[in-house]
Every structure is written in C-alpha cells, then in structure tokens.
Protein backbone atom coordinates (compact mmCIF):
# COMPACT_ATOMS: atom_id res chain seq x y z
CA UNK A 1 -20.01 -29.56 -0.76
CA UNK A 2 -23.34 -26.91 -0.69
CA UNK A 3 -22.50 -25.97 2.51
CA UNK A 4 -18.87 -24.85 1.94
CA UNK A 5 -19.73 -23.11 -1.77
CA UNK A 6 -22.62 -21.39 0.35
CA UNK A 7 -20.18 -20.26 3.41
CA UNK A 8 -17.11 -18.94 0.38
CA UNK A 9 -20.00 -16.65 -1.27
CA UNK A 10 -20.96 -15.19 2.37
CA UNK A 11 -16.77 -14.45 2.55
CA UNK A 12 -17.21 -13.17 -0.81
CA UNK A 13 -20.09 -11.29 -0.23
CA UNK A 14 -18.80 -9.76 3.33
CA UNK A 15 -15.55 -8.91 1.64
CA UNK A 16 -17.08 -7.24 -1.81
CA UNK A 17 -19.79 -4.83 0.91
CA UNK A 18 -17.29 -3.59 2.74
CA UNK A 19 -14.85 -2.36 -0.57
CA UNK A 20 -17.20 -1.42 -2.63
CA UNK A 21 -19.10 0.46 0.19
CA UNK A 22 -16.44 1.92 1.56
CA UNK A 23 -14.84 3.37 -2.54
CA UNK A 24 -18.16 4.75 -3.07
CA UNK A 25 -18.28 7.28 0.49
CA UNK A 26 -14.84 8.43 -0.03
CA UNK A 27 -14.81 8.83 -4.08
CA UNK A 28 -11.97 10.83 -4.39
CA UNK A 29 -9.65 8.99 -3.11
CA UNK A 30 -10.61 5.87 -5.49
CA UNK A 31 -10.09 8.06 -7.82
CA UNK A 32 -6.71 9.00 -7.25
CA UNK A 33 -5.96 5.33 -7.02
CA UNK A 34 -7.79 4.04 -10.50
CA UNK A 35 -5.30 7.09 -11.88
CA UNK A 36 -2.11 5.99 -9.51
CA UNK A 37 -2.83 1.91 -11.58
CA UNK A 38 -2.49 4.11 -14.85
CA UNK A 39 -6.37 4.35 -16.31
CA UNK A 40 -6.73 7.02 -18.82
CA UNK A 41 -7.42 10.59 -17.27
CA UNK A 42 -11.23 10.61 -19.09
CA UNK A 43 -12.05 7.50 -17.62
CA UNK A 44 -10.61 7.83 -14.16
CA UNK A 45 -14.16 9.71 -12.08
CA UNK A 46 -16.49 7.25 -14.47
CA UNK A 47 -13.98 3.96 -13.01
CA UNK A 48 -14.29 5.66 -9.37
CA UNK A 49 -18.01 5.12 -9.40
CA UNK A 50 -18.64 2.26 -11.84
CA UNK A 51 -16.08 -0.04 -9.65
CA UNK A 52 -17.73 0.56 -6.42
CA UNK A 53 -21.31 0.08 -7.96
CA UNK A 54 -20.02 -3.89 -9.42
CA UNK A 55 -18.50 -5.07 -6.16
CA UNK A 56 -21.47 -3.90 -4.53
CA UNK A 57 -23.65 -5.54 -7.63
CA UNK A 58 -21.74 -8.55 -7.24
CA UNK A 59 -22.10 -8.94 -3.38
CA UNK A 60 -26.23 -8.43 -4.06
CA UNK A 61 -25.65 -11.55 -6.31
CA UNK A 62 -24.08 -13.89 -3.91
CA UNK A 63 -27.13 -13.73 -1.89
CA UNK A 64 -29.19 -14.56 -4.70
CA UNK A 65 -29.11 -18.77 -5.40
CA UNK A 66 -30.10 -18.32 -8.93
CA UNK A 67 -27.38 -15.90 -9.38
CA UNK A 68 -24.91 -16.73 -7.22
CA UNK A 69 -22.67 -18.67 -9.51
CA UNK A 70 -22.43 -15.95 -11.83
CA UNK A 71 -21.30 -13.36 -9.65
CA UNK A 72 -19.19 -15.72 -7.94
CA UNK A 73 -18.06 -15.59 -11.84
CA UNK A 74 -17.90 -12.25 -12.52
CA UNK A 75 -15.83 -11.80 -8.91
CA UNK A 76 -13.06 -14.10 -9.81
CA UNK A 77 -12.44 -11.81 -13.04
CA UNK A 78 -12.79 -8.53 -11.27
CA UNK A 79 -10.17 -10.03 -8.69
CA UNK A 80 -7.52 -11.47 -11.71
CA UNK A 81 -7.77 -8.15 -13.52
CA UNK A 82 -7.13 -6.19 -9.64
CA UNK A 83 -3.32 -9.22 -9.72
CA UNK A 84 -3.28 -8.38 -12.82
CA UNK A 85 -2.87 -4.21 -12.16
CA UNK A 86 -0.63 -4.95 -9.01
CA UNK A 87 1.71 -7.31 -11.05
CA UNK A 88 1.96 -4.29 -13.91
CA UNK A 89 2.30 -1.94 -11.02
CA UNK A 90 5.11 -3.95 -8.78
CA UNK A 91 6.42 -4.71 -12.86
CA UNK A 92 7.49 -0.75 -13.29
CA UNK A 93 8.62 0.02 -10.01
CA UNK A 94 5.54 1.65 -8.95
CA UNK A 95 3.24 1.55 -5.53
CA UNK A 96 -0.16 2.83 -5.46
CA UNK A 97 -2.45 2.91 -2.99
CA UNK A 98 -4.54 -0.04 -3.50
CA UNK A 99 -7.69 1.95 -2.25
CA UNK A 100 -8.71 -1.42 -1.72
CA UNK A 101 -11.06 -1.15 1.08
CA UNK A 102 -11.62 2.77 0.50
CA UNK A 103 -10.64 4.97 3.18
CA UNK A 104 -10.38 2.63 6.32
CA UNK A 105 -7.04 1.25 5.26
CA UNK A 106 -4.03 3.12 3.17
CA UNK A 107 -2.10 0.11 1.65
CA UNK A 108 0.12 0.34 -1.05
CA UNK A 109 -0.15 -2.31 -3.34
CA UNK A 110 2.61 -4.87 -2.56
CA UNK A 111 3.26 -8.43 -2.47
CA UNK A 112 0.63 -9.14 0.71
CA UNK A 113 -1.84 -7.64 -2.23
CA UNK A 114 -1.37 -10.03 -4.52
CA UNK A 115 -1.78 -12.67 -2.56
CA UNK A 116 -4.40 -11.81 -1.15
CA UNK A 117 -6.45 -10.99 -3.87
CA UNK A 118 -5.48 -14.50 -5.03
CA UNK A 119 -6.86 -16.19 -2.17
CA UNK A 120 -9.97 -14.58 -2.67
CA UNK A 121 -9.93 -15.55 -6.11
CA UNK A 122 -9.67 -19.28 -5.08
CA UNK A 123 -12.39 -18.76 -2.85
CA UNK A 124 -14.52 -17.31 -5.97
CA UNK A 125 -13.23 -20.45 -8.14
CA UNK A 126 -14.75 -22.68 -5.54
CA UNK A 127 -17.86 -21.04 -5.06
CA UNK A 128 -18.34 -20.54 -8.62
CA UNK A 129 -17.81 -24.71 -9.18
CA UNK A 130 -18.11 -26.23 -6.41
CA UNK A 131 -20.98 -27.82 -6.59
CA UNK A 132 -23.70 -28.04 -9.09
CA UNK A 133 -26.62 -27.23 -6.69
CA UNK A 134 -28.16 -23.71 -6.63
CA UNK A 135 -27.20 -21.73 -3.39
CA UNK A 136 -26.54 -18.56 -2.10
CA UNK A 137 -23.97 -16.41 0.48
CA UNK A 138 -27.34 -18.13 2.88
CA UNK A 139 -28.02 -20.78 1.36
CA UNK A 140 -25.74 -23.40 4.35
CA UNK A 141 -28.36 -22.28 6.71
CA UNK A 142 -31.18 -23.99 5.31
CA UNK A 143 -29.18 -26.79 5.18
CA UNK A 144 -27.70 -26.39 8.41
CA UNK A 145 -31.77 -25.96 9.26
CA UNK A 146 -32.25 -29.14 7.62
CA UNK A 147 -30.30 -30.83 10.02
CA UNK A 148 -30.33 -29.05 13.95
CA UNK A 149 -33.51 -26.71 14.33
CA UNK A 150 -31.83 -24.82 17.95
CA UNK A 151 -28.67 -24.76 15.80
CA UNK A 152 -30.68 -23.32 13.21
CA UNK A 153 -32.04 -20.65 14.92
CA UNK A 154 -29.02 -19.80 16.98
CA UNK A 155 -27.03 -19.11 13.53
CA UNK A 156 -30.09 -16.91 12.96
CA UNK A 157 -30.27 -14.96 15.69
CA UNK A 158 -25.97 -14.75 15.71
CA UNK A 159 -26.93 -13.47 12.31
CA UNK A 160 -29.49 -11.23 12.55
CA UNK A 161 -27.28 -9.99 15.77
CA UNK A 162 -24.58 -8.89 13.22
CA UNK A 163 -26.39 -7.83 10.74
CA UNK A 164 -27.73 -5.41 13.14
CA UNK A 165 -24.59 -4.43 14.11
CA UNK A 166 -23.42 -4.33 10.67
CA UNK A 167 -26.27 -1.44 10.36
CA UNK A 168 -25.14 0.45 13.45
CA UNK A 169 -21.31 0.63 12.32
CA UNK A 170 -22.71 2.02 9.21
CA UNK A 171 -24.71 4.14 10.59
CA UNK A 172 -21.81 5.58 12.94
CA UNK A 173 -19.56 5.62 9.97
CA UNK A 174 -22.03 7.85 8.42
CA UNK A 175 -22.90 10.48 10.88
CA UNK A 176 -18.71 11.18 11.96
CA UNK A 177 -17.46 10.79 8.77
CA UNK A 178 -17.47 14.38 7.86
CA UNK A 179 -16.68 15.18 11.48
CA UNK A 180 -13.61 13.13 11.32
CA UNK A 181 -12.20 14.77 8.22
CA UNK A 182 -13.24 18.33 9.31
CA UNK A 183 -10.79 16.86 12.09
CA UNK A 184 -8.12 15.97 9.79
CA UNK A 185 -8.09 18.37 7.58
CA UNK A 186 -8.26 21.02 10.35
CA UNK A 187 -5.03 18.96 12.33
CA UNK A 188 -3.54 19.46 8.71
CA UNK A 189 -3.73 22.74 8.76
CA UNK A 190 -1.94 22.78 12.55
CA UNK A 191 0.25 21.16 11.58
CA UNK A 192 3.47 21.23 13.60
CA UNK A 193 6.91 22.75 11.09
CA UNK A 194 8.68 19.51 12.88
CA UNK A 195 6.23 16.94 10.96
CA UNK A 196 5.86 19.01 7.54
CA UNK A 197 8.57 17.86 5.00
CA UNK A 198 12.21 19.69 4.45
CA UNK A 199 11.17 22.44 2.26
CA UNK A 200 13.72 23.87 -0.75
CA UNK A 201 16.23 26.33 0.37
CA UNK A 202 15.73 24.14 4.29
CA UNK A 203 18.86 23.60 5.40
CA UNK A 204 19.39 19.95 5.67
CA UNK A 205 20.12 18.51 9.54
CA UNK A 206 23.05 16.88 10.47
CA UNK A 207 22.93 13.56 12.10
CA UNK A 208 25.47 11.03 13.71
CA UNK A 209 25.43 7.53 12.59
CA UNK A 210 27.83 4.51 12.13
CA UNK A 211 27.84 1.64 9.69
CA UNK A 212 27.62 -1.63 9.71
CA UNK A 213 31.69 -1.45 9.58
CA UNK A 214 31.46 0.32 12.81
CA UNK A 215 32.68 3.45 11.07
CA UNK A 216 31.34 6.83 12.02
CA UNK A 217 29.38 8.47 9.09
CA UNK A 218 27.37 12.03 8.97
CA UNK A 219 25.78 14.93 6.67
CA UNK A 220 29.07 16.88 7.18
CA UNK A 221 31.72 13.88 5.98
CA UNK A 222 28.75 12.66 2.92
CA UNK A 223 29.24 17.14 2.18
CA UNK A 224 32.70 16.48 2.27
CA UNK A 225 33.54 15.95 -1.29
CA UNK A 226 31.54 19.52 -2.18
CA UNK A 227 29.14 17.43 -4.66
CA UNK A 228 25.36 17.20 -4.25
CA UNK A 229 23.77 14.48 -2.08
CA UNK A 230 20.97 12.71 -2.72
CA UNK A 231 19.53 11.17 0.23
CA UNK A 232 17.62 7.98 -0.49
CA UNK A 233 14.84 6.77 1.62
CA UNK A 234 14.15 3.34 1.47
CA UNK A 235 13.00 0.02 3.80
CA UNK A 236 14.12 -3.46 3.82
CA UNK A 237 10.99 -4.82 3.62
CA UNK A 238 9.25 -2.75 0.10
CA UNK A 239 9.01 -4.10 -2.59
CA UNK A 240 8.27 -0.22 -4.94
CA UNK A 241 12.01 -0.10 -3.06
CA UNK A 242 13.83 -2.53 -5.50
CA UNK A 243 13.65 -0.10 -8.10
CA UNK A 244 15.11 2.79 -6.35
CA UNK A 245 17.89 0.89 -5.20
CA UNK A 246 19.06 -0.90 -8.12
CA UNK A 247 19.18 2.81 -9.93
CA UNK A 248 21.47 3.90 -6.40
CA UNK A 249 23.85 0.95 -7.59
CA UNK A 250 24.34 2.30 -10.60
CA UNK A 251 24.79 6.15 -9.46
CA UNK A 252 28.13 7.85 -10.62
CA UNK A 253 29.97 8.86 -7.56
CA UNK A 254 31.89 11.59 -9.63
CA UNK A 255 28.26 13.66 -9.80
CA UNK A 256 26.51 13.11 -6.43
CA UNK A 257 27.33 11.36 -3.22
CA UNK A 258 24.41 9.07 -2.47
CA UNK A 259 23.09 7.77 0.47
CA UNK A 260 20.41 5.66 0.58
CA UNK A 261 18.65 5.54 4.10
CA UNK A 262 17.21 1.96 4.02
CA UNK A 263 15.09 1.19 8.06
CA UNK A 264 14.73 -2.38 8.58
CA UNK A 265 16.47 -5.35 10.63
CA UNK A 266 20.18 -5.93 10.71
CA UNK A 267 19.40 -9.18 8.43
CA UNK A 268 17.33 -6.69 6.20
CA UNK A 269 20.02 -4.72 5.51
CA UNK A 270 22.80 -6.83 4.64
CA UNK A 271 20.70 -8.58 2.34
CA UNK A 272 19.95 -5.65 0.51
CA UNK A 273 23.79 -4.20 0.67
CA UNK A 274 24.69 -7.26 -0.24
CA UNK A 275 22.28 -8.25 -3.36
CA UNK A 276 22.61 -4.65 -4.68
CA UNK A 277 26.54 -4.47 -4.14
CA UNK A 278 26.29 -1.26 -1.74
CA UNK A 279 28.90 -0.47 -0.75
CA UNK A 280 28.22 1.52 2.67
CA UNK A 281 25.65 0.25 4.98
CA UNK A 282 24.64 2.81 7.82
CA UNK A 283 21.81 1.07 9.83
CA UNK A 284 18.45 3.10 10.85
CA UNK A 285 16.90 1.04 13.31
CA UNK A 286 15.07 3.18 14.91
CA UNK A 287 14.46 6.15 12.13
CA UNK A 288 16.47 8.62 13.29
CA UNK A 289 17.37 9.61 10.32
CA UNK A 290 14.24 9.20 8.96
CA UNK A 291 13.01 11.46 11.52
CA UNK A 292 15.32 13.86 11.11
CA UNK A 293 14.28 14.67 7.67
CA UNK A 294 11.01 13.98 8.25
CA UNK A 295 10.68 11.58 6.11
CA UNK A 296 7.27 9.22 6.88
CA UNK A 297 7.91 6.78 3.99
CA UNK A 298 9.37 4.76 1.72
CA UNK A 299 10.84 4.84 -1.08
CA UNK A 300 11.85 8.60 -1.67
CA UNK A 301 14.60 10.98 -2.70
CA UNK A 302 15.81 14.26 -1.22
CA UNK A 303 18.27 15.99 -2.80
CA UNK A 304 20.65 18.37 -1.39
CA UNK A 305 23.13 21.04 -2.67
CA UNK A 306 27.19 20.98 -1.89
CA UNK A 307 26.36 23.59 0.80
CA UNK A 308 23.81 21.27 2.62
CA UNK A 309 20.75 23.33 1.51
CA UNK A 310 17.28 21.51 0.47
CA UNK A 311 17.51 21.32 -4.05
CA UNK A 312 14.92 19.40 -4.28
CA UNK A 313 12.00 18.56 -1.42
CA UNK A 314 11.83 14.76 -1.15
CA UNK A 315 10.15 12.67 -3.77
CA UNK A 316 7.76 9.97 -2.70
CA UNK A 317 6.54 7.02 -4.49
CA UNK A 318 8.77 4.33 -6.33
CA UNK A 319 9.13 6.80 -9.45
CA UNK A 320 9.37 9.93 -8.55
CA UNK A 321 12.12 8.56 -6.04
CA UNK A 322 13.82 7.04 -9.37
CA UNK A 323 13.53 9.67 -11.52
CA UNK A 324 15.11 12.24 -9.34
CA UNK A 325 18.04 10.37 -8.45
CA UNK A 326 18.40 9.46 -11.98
CA UNK A 327 18.66 13.66 -12.08
CA UNK A 328 21.56 14.06 -9.39
CA UNK A 329 23.33 10.84 -9.88
CA UNK A 330 23.58 9.28 -13.04
CA UNK A 331 25.80 6.30 -13.46
CA UNK A 332 28.11 3.99 -11.21
CA UNK A 333 29.90 4.71 -8.31
CA UNK A 334 30.76 5.30 -4.98
CA UNK A 335 27.04 4.52 -2.75
CA UNK A 336 26.77 5.01 0.69
CA UNK A 337 23.68 3.47 2.24
CA UNK A 338 21.64 3.95 5.48
CA UNK A 339 19.73 0.67 5.88
CA UNK A 340 18.00 0.07 9.62
CA UNK A 341 19.85 -2.37 11.01
CA UNK A 342 20.51 -3.69 14.56
C-alpha cells in the first residue's frame, strides 16, 4: 500500500508541477481564465500569480514525507474547488478556457474537464488516506530498493534520465518561448483576410446545403422572407452549446429567421434536433458552412440584416451567442437548424 500511495503522490506532483509552471509562464492567459470563471476584477491579477504558486508548493510538499499527506489533502481541496467552479460555469452555460496547463493546452471547460479533475481528486484522496506510514512522491523507490537492489538502481537511472529530459525541455521552452510568441503575433498581424471573421457591413456568402430530408437550403432562401437572419454555430458534442440551442428553440420566427449551423455526425444531428424540437436540420459534416462564414469554433451567433449584410459580427461563447440570438429573435418560432450530419 505505501508504494501505491507514493506513486499516486508522484503522479499528483507531476501534474501540479506542469500546471503551476505553465500558468506562471503565461500569466496573462491565466488572468483571463480566472476572469472567465467569474473572479472579481481586483482579484484577477493576484490570483493569476497565487494559483500557480500554490500548485507548485503542493507539488514540492508531495516529495517531503512529513508533508506529503497534508499536500495531498491540499491538492484534494484545490481540485474540489476547481470541480465546483466547472459545475458553476456549465450550469450558467459559459465555457471559459480552463487554462489548466497554461499555454500547453487550450481547452474550454466541459464534462471531460470535470471528469479529469474528479479522477485526480480520487488520486489525491488515496494519497492522503491510503496509508498511515509517512511517505512521499519518491518513497516508493526505497520500498523497491529494500526488495531488489538492482531494480532500484535501474529505477534511479530512469528517474534521473527523466529529470534531465524535463530540465532540457524546460530550458528549450524558456529559450524559444518568446520567439514563438513573436512568430504567433506576426502570423496574426499578417493573417489572410479569409481567416478573419466577417466584419459589420460585409456581405455574407451564399451557401448551398440540404436538410436531412433532402430539401435544398441556401442563404438566399433564408433571406426570402425579408427578415433579419440569426446564424447560430454549434457543435453536436459541445456542452456549452445547449443554452444557445434552447434559445434557438424558442426564437420568434416573425422577428428573425434563425438558422443553427451545428457540425457533428448524423446521429448527433438527429439527437439534437429531436431533443430541442428543431424542425429543419441541415448537415454540415465537412464544416463547409463554418468555413464560408469564417467561424472557427462553437458556440457563436452571427446576425445578418434582411439584405444579407453582417449586422453584428459573430459573438463567440455561450453567453454572448445566446444574448445576440435573444436580441435578434425573441420567443417561439420557425427555426432552421444546420447540423453536421453524414
């Protein structure tokens, strides 16, 4: 049992070292993530520094036998706080970037993020209560050495090699990080026009698609009633899109024509259309409509005037997308849904 506890502590230490160091390197993104989870403005900057420092402190304490249990308890509390924040964000329909591992990953919070933190929380609970014997993240080496000296030597060499590799990767990251940021900024400044979002007043591109029933649908047909058009871009596997789809399902068809462009497979398309009572479903399996309107993610809402010009550029994120749709469409409709189907 002490060996298993020690290994759990080692896994937690590795996760918290990577998470804390990555957040500390990219403090601006960490501050934006903290803001996305609803932290008050005066606390955002301090939290962007304090959070990664706490994670690094927990990781360091996990290596000290007399502190390892308390560090595991601290990790458990922090992970439970993260879980509560994720549940709160999902309940309000927002999907901020979790920034869990700084700039190493860019992932909106979702059920997967919650499950990962719950698994880590279970490891932290086991690391804290799995044994009464003081141990640490490297304590398992001593237990193995007591049984097999050769195995202990081999493990020691492997651990040293891994630590050396980690140091080398960190050095390379520090050396090239600024260069990568400069290149990214230059690429953004020189981004081709066809990669930039459609701007207000710009004519929207026409498209040709088919409903799941085989009926033809295009932008021209959506504009035929001479009403504004609200295009909602969603994904069949996007939890944050649920709130926007709920708004689309009650939109007032006399005020605007609402079209939900949802990418995903055919099963996801039919499931969403049935769940929300969306009468007209159009497949976008190859992201053709997403690409035509230069939309790179979901959820998002793009508003067009009755002449087919952009009245309001695409609003990304659950809350902005839902608010834009609500302002355009109101309540209880004819809804056109474009869903990525096979």
